[in-house]
């Protein structure tokens, strides 16, 4: 299970299919330098994304 405190790149490296989920939420995380040190929650907040909806989509994708 993916949690909002996990690092963005941590989950993308483990589950490459999640790149598409981040893109669907207008989060171009893979190309962003901040993704290497931001948690999912921090990235979602920076992009004004509903973190709860994002978490549901990420976990559904795995």
C-alpha atoms as a PDB file:
ATOM      1  CA  UNK A   1       0.000   0.000   0.000  1.00  0.00           C
ATOM      2  CA  UNK A   2       1.234   3.449  -0.891  1.00  0.00           C
ATOM      3  CA  UNK A   3       1.026   6.146   1.778  1.00  0.00           C
ATOM      4  CA  UNK A   4       1.186   9.919   1.406  1.00  0.00           C
ATOM      5  CA  UNK A   5       4.407  10.161   3.402  1.00  0.00           C
ATOM      6  CA  UNK A   6       6.313   8.012   0.876  1.00  0.00           C
ATOM      7  CA  UNK A   7       8.701   9.713  -1.534  1.00  0.00           C
ATOM      8  CA  UNK A   8       7.454  10.386  -5.048  1.00  0.00           C
ATOM      9  CA  UNK A   9      10.475   8.848  -6.772  1.00  0.00           C
ATOM     10  CA  UNK A  10      10.447   5.953  -4.306  1.00  0.00           C
ATOM     11  CA  UNK A  11       7.012   4.850  -5.498  1.00  0.00           C
ATOM     12  CA  UNK A  12       7.637   5.654  -9.172  1.00  0.00           C
ATOM     13  CA  UNK A  13      10.799   3.536  -9.183  1.00  0.00           C
ATOM     14  CA  UNK A  14       8.924   0.643  -7.601  1.00  0.00           C
ATOM     15  CA  UNK A  15       5.740   1.090  -9.649  1.00  0.00           C
ATOM     16  CA  UNK A  16       6.513   2.767 -13.022  1.00  0.00           C
ATOM     17  CA  UNK A  17       2.835   2.589 -14.012  1.00  0.00           C
ATOM     18  CA  UNK A  18       2.173   5.333 -11.464  1.00  0.00           C
ATOM     19  CA  UNK A  19       3.772   7.926 -13.742  1.00  0.00           C
ATOM     20  CA  UNK A  20       0.507   8.026 -15.672  1.00  0.00           C
ATOM     21  CA  UNK A  21      -1.511   8.546 -12.472  1.00  0.00           C
ATOM     22  CA  UNK A  22       0.644  11.508 -11.460  1.00  0.00           C
ATOM     23  CA  UNK A  23       0.261  12.945 -14.964  1.00  0.00           C
ATOM     24  CA  UNK A  24      -3.528  12.544 -14.770  1.00  0.00           C
ATOM     25  CA  UNK A  25      -3.403  14.802 -11.705  1.00  0.00           C
ATOM     26  CA  UNK A  26      -1.263  17.355 -13.590  1.00  0.00           C
ATOM     27  CA  UNK A  27       1.813  16.403 -11.607  1.00  0.00           C
ATOM     28  CA  UNK A  28       4.802  16.022 -13.926  1.00  0.00           C
ATOM     29  CA  UNK A  29       6.733  14.477 -11.074  1.00  0.00           C
ATOM     30  CA  UNK A  30       9.179  12.335 -12.959  1.00  0.00           C
ATOM     31  CA  UNK A  31      10.808  15.302 -14.655  1.00  0.00           C
ATOM     32  CA  UNK A  32      10.807  17.460 -11.533  1.00  0.00           C
ATOM     33  CA  UNK A  33      13.914  17.833  -9.408  1.00  0.00           C
ATOM     34  CA  UNK A  34      11.793  18.224  -6.272  1.00  0.00           C
ATOM     35  CA  UNK A  35      10.360  14.732  -6.778  1.00  0.00           C
ATOM     36  CA  UNK A  36      13.647  13.293  -5.564  1.00  0.00           C
ATOM     37  CA  UNK A  37      13.104  14.594  -2.047  1.00  0.00           C
ATOM     38  CA  UNK A  38       9.375  15.397  -1.764  1.00  0.00           C
ATOM     39  CA  UNK A  39       6.772  13.114  -0.290  1.00  0.00           C
ATOM     40  CA  UNK A  40       3.583  12.464  -2.226  1.00  0.00           C
ATOM     41  CA  UNK A  41       1.711  14.734   0.175  1.00  0.00           C
ATOM     42  CA  UNK A  42       4.236  17.574  -0.266  1.00  0.00           C
ATOM     43  CA  UNK A  43       4.092  17.271  -4.059  1.00  0.00           C
ATOM     44  CA  UNK A  44       0.306  17.182  -4.075  1.00  0.00           C
ATOM     45  CA  UNK A  45       0.170  20.250  -1.849  1.00  0.00           C
ATOM     46  CA  UNK A  46       2.594  22.144  -4.106  1.00  0.00           C
ATOM     47  CA  UNK A  47       0.364  21.384  -7.107  1.00  0.00           C
ATOM     48  CA  UNK A  48      -2.894  22.012  -5.210  1.00  0.00           C
ATOM     49  CA  UNK A  49      -3.975  18.409  -5.767  1.00  0.00           C
ATOM     50  CA  UNK A  50      -6.448  16.647  -3.478  1.00  0.00           C
ATOM     51  CA  UNK A  51      -4.101  14.212  -1.756  1.00  0.00           C
ATOM     52  CA  UNK A  52      -6.896  11.826  -0.741  1.00  0.00           C
ATOM     53  CA  UNK A  53      -8.099  11.461  -4.344  1.00  0.00           C
ATOM     54  CA  UNK A  54      -4.512  11.022  -5.511  1.00  0.00           C
ATOM     55  CA  UNK A  55      -3.873   8.288  -2.927  1.00  0.00           C
ATOM     56  CA  UNK A  56      -6.983   6.399  -4.010  1.00  0.00           C
ATOM     57  CA  UNK A  57      -5.871   6.544  -7.651  1.00  0.00           C
ATOM     58  CA  UNK A  58      -2.270   5.539  -6.879  1.00  0.00           C
ATOM     59  CA  UNK A  59      -3.303   2.542  -4.788  1.00  0.00           C
ATOM     60  CA  UNK A  60      -5.888   1.477  -7.373  1.00  0.00           C
ATOM     61  CA  UNK A  61      -3.155   1.483 -10.029  1.00  0.00           C
ATOM     62  CA  UNK A  62      -1.037  -1.043  -8.173  1.00  0.00           C
END
